[in-house]
Amino acid sequence: MTLRQWLKTTAVLSLLCRVCLGAPPPILDQSSTSFSSSAFVQADISMAQTFMPSLGGQLWELDLFLSNRNAAENKPLFVSIYNTQSGNPSGTALSTISLYVTHGWYALDFSTNQVSLNANQLYAIVMSCPGTFNGISPGGSFDDTYSRGMSLVQYSIGAPWEEYTRARDLMFQTWMVVPEPSSVSLCLLGSSALIIGRGRTIRRAARATATAT
């Protein structure tokens, strides 16, 4: 391997490794944005929306369309991600974010919460607003517009979850960061090529030395 080839290989390897180490952009995965109805999250009443990711990776952002029915109450909304069992939220929350709501779309940043989701596995977005009388109203659709999940309601703490027919799907979007194994493979391939090239150079140098002596 000549010096020029060595420098070229090193430059390519450096570029590939920068690609490997760079953070991939979030990808819009699940989306339900049809608006024709709403739900109610208040006092002991909680709402949930189940969803099934198409992509496996880290949940980066969750978007919700929300309205505060009485801003003077000044109570936070709690939004959690749960695993499911038999189609209902189950176990301990994977992560929870709280926010204060007025009206509109809200982007909830889960990027530092390390929520890993598997493709084609059912999860639940659970919303609660304890201590309120009027509470928060998530936007939704009366028609079943989202095929990979559904809305659920829990009318009191510990009560069973039920299908919510007034808004069969709530409005939400999930953004995922997906690992890029192709970039990692390229980086490893480049490393292997560089090591092989260096080995050939060393062997050639050894043969040349032996011939000269």
C-alpha atoms as a PDB file:
ATOM      1  CA  MET A   1       0.000   0.000   0.000  1.00  0.00           C
ATOM      2  CA  THR A   2       1.472   3.345  -1.071  1.00  0.00           C
ATOM      3  CA  LEU A   3       1.371   6.463   1.098  1.00  0.00           C
ATOM      4  CA  ARG A   4      -1.357   7.938  -1.126  1.00  0.00           C
ATOM      5  CA  GLN A   5      -3.460   4.784  -0.780  1.00  0.00           C
ATOM      6  CA  TRP A   6      -2.888   4.782   2.963  1.00  0.00           C
ATOM      7  CA  LEU A   7      -4.041   8.403   3.306  1.00  0.00           C
ATOM      8  CA  LYS A   8      -7.072   7.765   1.092  1.00  0.00           C
ATOM      9  CA  THR A   9      -8.090   4.686   3.080  1.00  0.00           C
ATOM     10  CA  THR A  10      -7.650   6.544   6.372  1.00  0.00           C
ATOM     11  CA  ALA A  11      -9.803   9.455   5.150  1.00  0.00           C
ATOM     12  CA  VAL A  12     -12.582   7.123   4.005  1.00  0.00           C
ATOM     13  CA  LEU A  13     -12.457   5.214   7.294  1.00  0.00           C
ATOM     14  CA  SER A  14     -12.645   8.454   9.277  1.00  0.00           C
ATOM     15  CA  LEU A  15     -15.710   9.551   7.302  1.00  0.00           C
ATOM     16  CA  LEU A  16     -17.423   6.182   7.801  1.00  0.00           C
ATOM     17  CA  CYS A  17     -16.783   6.245  11.539  1.00  0.00           C
ATOM     18  CA  ARG A  18     -18.229   9.763  11.796  1.00  0.00           C
ATOM     19  CA  VAL A  19     -21.360   8.446  10.118  1.00  0.00           C
ATOM     20  CA  CYS A  20     -21.398   5.584  12.627  1.00  0.00           C
ATOM     21  CA  LEU A  21     -21.131   7.938  15.591  1.00  0.00           C
ATOM     22  CA  GLY A  22     -23.576  10.545  14.286  1.00  0.00           C
ATOM     23  CA  ALA A  23     -27.107  10.544  15.739  1.00  0.00           C
ATOM     24  CA  PRO A  24     -29.751   9.534  13.159  1.00  0.00           C
ATOM     25  CA  PRO A  25     -32.728  11.897  12.815  1.00  0.00           C
ATOM     26  CA  PRO A  26     -36.101  11.020  14.405  1.00  0.00           C
ATOM     27  CA  ILE A  27     -38.580   9.324  12.075  1.00  0.00           C
ATOM     28  CA  LEU A  28     -42.354   9.767  12.195  1.00  0.00           C
ATOM     29  CA  ASP A  29     -43.693   6.279  12.922  1.00  0.00           C
ATOM     30  CA  GLN A  30     -47.311   6.207  14.140  1.00  0.00           C
ATOM     31  CA  SER A  31     -49.827   8.955  13.400  1.00  0.00           C
ATOM     32  CA  SER A  32     -53.495   9.570  14.163  1.00  0.00           C
ATOM     33  CA  THR A  33     -54.519  13.153  13.390  1.00  0.00           C
ATOM     34  CA  SER A  34     -58.194  12.942  12.429  1.00  0.00           C
ATOM     35  CA  PHE A  35     -60.326  15.250  14.605  1.00  0.00           C
ATOM     36  CA  SER A  36     -64.067  14.773  15.013  1.00  0.00           C
ATOM     37  CA  SER A  37     -64.519  14.226  18.763  1.00  0.00           C
ATOM     38  CA  SER A  38     -62.739  14.433  22.109  1.00  0.00           C
ATOM     39  CA  ALA A  39     -62.214  12.654  25.408  1.00  0.00           C
ATOM     40  CA  PHE A  40     -62.034  13.742  29.048  1.00  0.00           C
ATOM     41  CA  VAL A  41     -59.185  13.319  31.523  1.00  0.00           C
ATOM     42  CA  GLN A  42     -60.247  14.564  34.953  1.00  0.00           C
ATOM     43  CA  ALA A  43     -60.136  13.665  38.642  1.00  0.00           C
ATOM     44  CA  ASP A  44     -59.891   9.840  38.770  1.00  0.00           C
ATOM     45  CA  ILE A  45     -60.753   9.348  35.090  1.00  0.00           C
ATOM     46  CA  SER A  46     -57.802   8.366  32.899  1.00  0.00           C
ATOM     47  CA  MET A  47     -57.590   7.922  29.139  1.00  0.00           C
ATOM     48  CA  ALA A  48     -55.298   5.699  27.109  1.00  0.00           C
ATOM     49  CA  GLN A  49     -54.430   5.217  23.467  1.00  0.00           C
ATOM     50  CA  THR A  50     -52.781   1.982  22.443  1.00  0.00           C
ATOM     51  CA  PHE A  51     -50.374   1.907  19.510  1.00  0.00           C
ATOM     52  CA  MET A  52     -48.086  -0.529  17.759  1.00  0.00           C
ATOM     53  CA  PRO A  53     -44.785   0.813  16.406  1.00  0.00           C
ATOM     54  CA  SER A  54     -43.780  -0.172  12.898  1.00  0.00           C
ATOM     55  CA  LEU A  55     -40.160   0.596  13.751  1.00  0.00           C
ATOM     56  CA  GLY A  56     -38.129  -0.657  16.681  1.00  0.00           C
ATOM     57  CA  GLY A  57     -35.902   1.824  18.485  1.00  0.00           C
ATOM     58  CA  GLN A  58     -36.021   4.695  20.959  1.00  0.00           C
ATOM     59  CA  LEU A  59     -39.119   6.829  21.426  1.00  0.00           C
ATOM     60  CA  TRP A  60     -37.859  10.365  20.771  1.00  0.00           C
ATOM     61  CA  GLU A  61     -41.029  12.457  20.802  1.00  0.00           C
ATOM     62  CA  LEU A  62     -44.745  12.047  21.396  1.00  0.00           C
ATOM     63  CA  ASP A  63     -47.184  14.627  19.984  1.00  0.00           C
ATOM     64  CA  LEU A  64     -50.658  15.074  21.492  1.00  0.00           C
ATOM     65  CA  PHE A  65     -53.540  17.407  20.673  1.00  0.00           C
ATOM     66  CA  LEU A  66     -54.907  18.734  23.980  1.00  0.00           C
ATOM     67  CA  SER A  67     -57.261  21.374  25.388  1.00  0.00           C
ATOM     68  CA  ASN A  68     -57.582  22.597  28.959  1.00  0.00           C
ATOM     69  CA  ARG A  69     -61.225  22.779  29.983  1.00  0.00           C
ATOM     70  CA  ASN A  70     -60.491  25.167  32.861  1.00  0.00           C
ATOM     71  CA  ALA A  71     -57.011  26.722  32.904  1.00  0.00           C
ATOM     72  CA  ALA A  72     -57.729  28.274  36.313  1.00  0.00           C
ATOM     73  CA  GLU A  73     -57.389  24.795  37.868  1.00  0.00           C
ATOM     74  CA  ASN A  74     -53.673  24.964  36.993  1.00  0.00           C
ATOM     75  CA  LYS A  75     -53.072  21.216  37.357  1.00  0.00           C
ATOM     76  CA  PRO A  76     -50.513  19.255  35.325  1.00  0.00           C
ATOM     77  CA  LEU A  77     -51.370  16.479  32.925  1.00  0.00           C
ATOM     78  CA  PHE A  78     -49.340  13.291  33.371  1.00  0.00           C
ATOM     79  CA  VAL A  79     -48.523  11.307  30.242  1.00  0.00           C
ATOM     80  CA  SER A  80     -47.007   7.830  30.595  1.00  0.00           C
ATOM     81  CA  ILE A  81     -45.918   5.031  28.277  1.00  0.00           C
ATOM     82  CA  TYR A  82     -46.882   1.508  29.350  1.00  0.00           C
ATOM     83  CA  ASN A  83     -46.517  -2.030  28.141  1.00  0.00           C
ATOM     84  CA  THR A  84     -49.830  -3.804  27.614  1.00  0.00           C
ATOM     85  CA  GLN A  85     -51.373  -7.098  28.560  1.00  0.00           C
ATOM     86  CA  SER A  86     -54.506  -8.350  26.813  1.00  0.00           C
ATOM     87  CA  GLY A  87     -54.725  -4.965  25.086  1.00  0.00           C
ATOM     88  CA  ASN A  88     -54.719  -2.878  28.298  1.00  0.00           C
ATOM     89  CA  PRO A  89     -51.990  -0.815  30.033  1.00  0.00           C
ATOM     90  CA  SER A  90     -50.053  -3.059  32.377  1.00  0.00           C
ATOM     91  CA  GLY A  91     -47.225  -2.981  34.903  1.00  0.00           C
ATOM     92  CA  THR A  92     -45.078   0.012  35.778  1.00  0.00           C
ATOM     93  CA  ALA A  93     -44.821   3.019  33.481  1.00  0.00           C
ATOM     94  CA  LEU A  94     -41.819   2.907  31.157  1.00  0.00           C
ATOM     95  CA  SER A  95     -41.616   6.688  31.416  1.00  0.00           C
ATOM     96  CA  THR A  96     -43.781   9.636  32.533  1.00  0.00           C
ATOM     97  CA  ILE A  97     -43.811  13.306  31.519  1.00  0.00           C
ATOM     98  CA  SER A  98     -45.927  16.067  33.073  1.00  0.00           C
ATOM     99  CA  LEU A  99     -46.990  19.276  31.351  1.00  0.00           C
ATOM    100  CA  TYR A 100     -49.357  22.222  31.695  1.00  0.00           C
ATOM    101  CA  VAL A 101     -51.898  22.549  28.902  1.00  0.00           C
ATOM    102  CA  THR A 102     -53.772  25.381  27.236  1.00  0.00           C
ATOM    103  CA  HIS A 103     -54.787  24.344  23.689  1.00  0.00           C
ATOM    104  CA  GLY A 104     -53.130  22.825  20.640  1.00  0.00           C
ATOM    105  CA  TRP A 105     -50.516  20.291  19.651  1.00  0.00           C
ATOM    106  CA  TYR A 106     -47.892  19.513  22.300  1.00  0.00           C
ATOM    107  CA  ALA A 107     -44.537  17.877  21.546  1.00  0.00           C
ATOM    108  CA  LEU A 108     -43.407  15.789  24.522  1.00  0.00           C
ATOM    109  CA  ASP A 109     -39.660  15.242  24.562  1.00  0.00           C
ATOM    110  CA  PHE A 110     -38.773  11.646  25.492  1.00  0.00           C
ATOM    111  CA  SER A 111     -35.283  11.835  23.969  1.00  0.00           C
ATOM    112  CA  THR A 112     -33.466  11.546  27.317  1.00  0.00           C
ATOM    113  CA  ASN A 113     -35.866   9.041  28.892  1.00  0.00           C
ATOM    114  CA  GLN A 114     -34.428   5.953  27.192  1.00  0.00           C
ATOM    115  CA  VAL A 115     -37.775   4.428  26.214  1.00  0.00           C
ATOM    116  CA  SER A 116     -37.015   1.490  23.903  1.00  0.00           C
ATOM    117  CA  LEU A 117     -39.962   0.175  21.901  1.00  0.00           C
ATOM    118  CA  ASN A 118     -40.156  -3.017  19.842  1.00  0.00           C
ATOM    119  CA  ALA A 119     -41.689  -3.103  16.401  1.00  0.00           C
ATOM    120  CA  ASN A 120     -45.159  -4.693  16.182  1.00  0.00           C
ATOM    121  CA  GLN A 121     -45.596  -4.811  19.964  1.00  0.00           C
ATOM    122  CA  LEU A 122     -48.593  -3.076  21.551  1.00  0.00           C
ATOM    123  CA  TYR A 123     -47.962  -0.160  23.932  1.00  0.00           C
ATOM    124  CA  ALA A 124     -50.220   2.376  25.611  1.00  0.00           C
ATOM    125  CA  ILE A 125     -50.134   6.146  26.076  1.00  0.00           C
ATOM    126  CA  VAL A 126     -51.869   6.847  29.402  1.00  0.00           C
ATOM    127  CA  MET A 127     -53.087  10.316  30.446  1.00  0.00           C
ATOM    128  CA  SER A 128     -54.209  11.346  33.926  1.00  0.00           C
ATOM    129  CA  CYS A 129     -54.922  14.675  35.591  1.00  0.00           C
ATOM    130  CA  PRO A 130     -55.579  14.081  39.311  1.00  0.00           C
ATOM    131  CA  GLY A 131     -57.082  16.794  41.481  1.00  0.00           C
ATOM    132  CA  THR A 132     -59.119  18.417  38.699  1.00  0.00           C
ATOM    133  CA  PHE A 133     -62.840  18.841  38.200  1.00  0.00           C
ATOM    134  CA  ASN A 134     -62.886  19.967  34.547  1.00  0.00           C
ATOM    135  CA  GLY A 135     -59.552  18.479  33.530  1.00  0.00           C
ATOM    136  CA  ILE A 136     -58.008  18.099  30.068  1.00  0.00           C
ATOM    137  CA  SER A 137     -59.667  17.161  26.803  1.00  0.00           C
ATOM    138  CA  PRO A 138     -57.555  15.159  24.300  1.00  0.00           C
ATOM    139  CA  GLY A 139     -58.670  15.474  20.706  1.00  0.00           C
ATOM    140  CA  GLY A 140     -59.794  12.338  18.931  1.00  0.00           C
ATOM    141  CA  SER A 141     -61.840  10.760  16.177  1.00  0.00           C
ATOM    142  CA  PHE A 142     -65.332   9.331  16.482  1.00  0.00           C
ATOM    143  CA  ASP A 143     -64.528   6.960  13.621  1.00  0.00           C
ATOM    144  CA  ASP A 144     -61.967   4.184  13.886  1.00  0.00           C
ATOM    145  CA  THR A 145     -59.246   5.929  11.862  1.00  0.00           C
ATOM    146  CA  TYR A 146     -56.170   4.247  13.386  1.00  0.00           C
ATOM    147  CA  SER A 147     -55.790   0.521  12.726  1.00  0.00           C
ATOM    148  CA  ARG A 148     -52.879  -0.286  15.092  1.00  0.00           C
ATOM    149  CA  GLY A 149     -54.533   0.592  18.403  1.00  0.00           C
ATOM    150  CA  MET A 150     -57.577   2.114  20.100  1.00  0.00           C
ATOM    151  CA  SER A 151     -58.671   4.485  22.849  1.00  0.00           C
ATOM    152  CA  LEU A 152     -59.505   3.235  26.344  1.00  0.00           C
ATOM    153  CA  VAL A 153     -61.009   4.820  29.439  1.00  0.00           C
ATOM    154  CA  GLN A 154     -60.599   4.017  33.134  1.00  0.00           C
ATOM    155  CA  TYR A 155     -63.419   5.610  35.144  1.00  0.00           C
ATOM    156  CA  SER A 156     -61.728   5.286  38.541  1.00  0.00           C
ATOM    157  CA  ILE A 157     -58.341   4.301  39.951  1.00  0.00           C
ATOM    158  CA  GLY A 158     -57.944   0.529  39.751  1.00  0.00           C
ATOM    159  CA  ALA A 159     -61.080   0.063  37.636  1.00  0.00           C
ATOM    160  CA  PRO A 160     -60.901  -2.056  34.475  1.00  0.00           C
ATOM    161  CA  TRP A 161     -60.039  -0.365  31.198  1.00  0.00           C
ATOM    162  CA  GLU A 162     -62.918  -0.077  28.739  1.00  0.00           C
ATOM    163  CA  GLU A 163     -63.221   0.785  25.073  1.00  0.00           C
ATOM    164  CA  TYR A 164     -64.062   4.484  24.664  1.00  0.00           C
ATOM    165  CA  THR A 165     -66.643   4.720  21.881  1.00  0.00           C
ATOM    166  CA  ARG A 166     -67.088   8.513  21.929  1.00  0.00           C
ATOM    167  CA  ALA A 167     -63.588   8.909  20.433  1.00  0.00           C
ATOM    168  CA  ARG A 168     -62.371   5.556  19.148  1.00  0.00           C
ATOM    169  CA  ASP A 169     -58.872   6.920  18.527  1.00  0.00           C
ATOM    170  CA  LEU A 170     -57.078   9.841  20.148  1.00  0.00           C
ATOM    171  CA  MET A 171     -54.878  12.263  18.225  1.00  0.00           C
ATOM    172  CA  PHE A 172     -51.171  11.485  18.539  1.00  0.00           C
ATOM    173  CA  GLN A 173     -47.909  11.015  16.687  1.00  0.00           C
ATOM    174  CA  THR A 174     -44.803   9.067  17.684  1.00  0.00           C
ATOM    175  CA  TRP A 175     -41.282   9.861  16.510  1.00  0.00           C
ATOM    176  CA  MET A 176     -38.617   7.161  16.727  1.00  0.00           C
ATOM    177  CA  VAL A 177     -34.835   7.046  16.496  1.00  0.00           C
ATOM    178  CA  VAL A 178     -33.835   3.806  14.830  1.00  0.00           C
ATOM    179  CA  PRO A 179     -30.320   2.286  14.971  1.00  0.00           C
ATOM    180  CA  GLU A 180     -28.535   2.206  11.620  1.00  0.00           C
ATOM    181  CA  PRO A 181     -26.827  -1.192  11.413  1.00  0.00           C
ATOM    182  CA  SER A 182     -25.848  -0.512   7.798  1.00  0.00           C
ATOM    183  CA  SER A 183     -23.634   2.393   8.900  1.00  0.00           C
ATOM    184  CA  VAL A 184     -22.061   0.304  11.652  1.00  0.00           C
ATOM    185  CA  SER A 185     -21.405  -2.492   9.155  1.00  0.00           C
ATOM    186  CA  LEU A 186     -19.711  -0.049   6.806  1.00  0.00           C
ATOM    187  CA  CYS A 187     -17.552   1.224   9.638  1.00  0.00           C
ATOM    188  CA  LEU A 188     -16.510  -2.310  10.600  1.00  0.00           C
ATOM    189  CA  LEU A 189     -15.878  -3.191   6.960  1.00  0.00           C
ATOM    190  CA  GLY A 190     -13.675  -0.129   6.584  1.00  0.00           C
ATOM    191  CA  SER A 191     -11.739  -1.076   9.718  1.00  0.00           C
ATOM    192  CA  SER A 192     -11.209  -4.600   8.400  1.00  0.00           C
ATOM    193  CA  ALA A 193      -9.978  -3.288   5.051  1.00  0.00           C
ATOM    194  CA  LEU A 194      -7.565  -0.959   6.799  1.00  0.00           C
ATOM    195  CA  ILE A 195      -6.185  -3.746   9.021  1.00  0.00           C
ATOM    196  CA  ILE A 196      -5.763  -6.074   6.046  1.00  0.00           C
ATOM    197  CA  GLY A 197      -4.030  -3.330   4.080  1.00  0.00           C
ATOM    198  CA  ARG A 198      -1.655  -2.624   6.933  1.00  0.00           C
ATOM    199  CA  GLY A 199      -0.875  -6.354   7.229  1.00  0.00           C
ATOM    200  CA  ARG A 200      -0.005  -6.564   3.526  1.00  0.00           C
ATOM    201  CA  THR A 201       2.238  -3.510   3.809  1.00  0.00           C
ATOM    202  CA  ILE A 202       4.128  -5.039   6.735  1.00  0.00           C
ATOM    203  CA  ARG A 203       4.590  -8.351   4.901  1.00  0.00           C
ATOM    204  CA  ARG A 204       5.846  -6.617   1.762  1.00  0.00           C
ATOM    205  CA  ALA A 205       8.293  -4.576   3.814  1.00  0.00           C
ATOM    206  CA  ALA A 206       9.556  -7.741   5.492  1.00  0.00           C
ATOM    207  CA  ARG A 207      10.078  -9.486   2.142  1.00  0.00           C
ATOM    208  CA  ALA A 208      11.895  -6.464   0.747  1.00  0.00           C
ATOM    209  CA  THR A 209      14.219  -6.405   3.752  1.00  0.00           C
ATOM    210  CA  ALA A 210      14.941 -10.117   3.425  1.00  0.00           C
ATOM    211  CA  THR A 211      15.752  -9.744  -0.293  1.00  0.00           C
ATOM    212  CA  ALA A 212      18.059  -6.802   0.309  1.00  0.00           C
ATOM    213  CA  THR A 213      20.084  -8.754   2.878  1.00  0.00           C
END
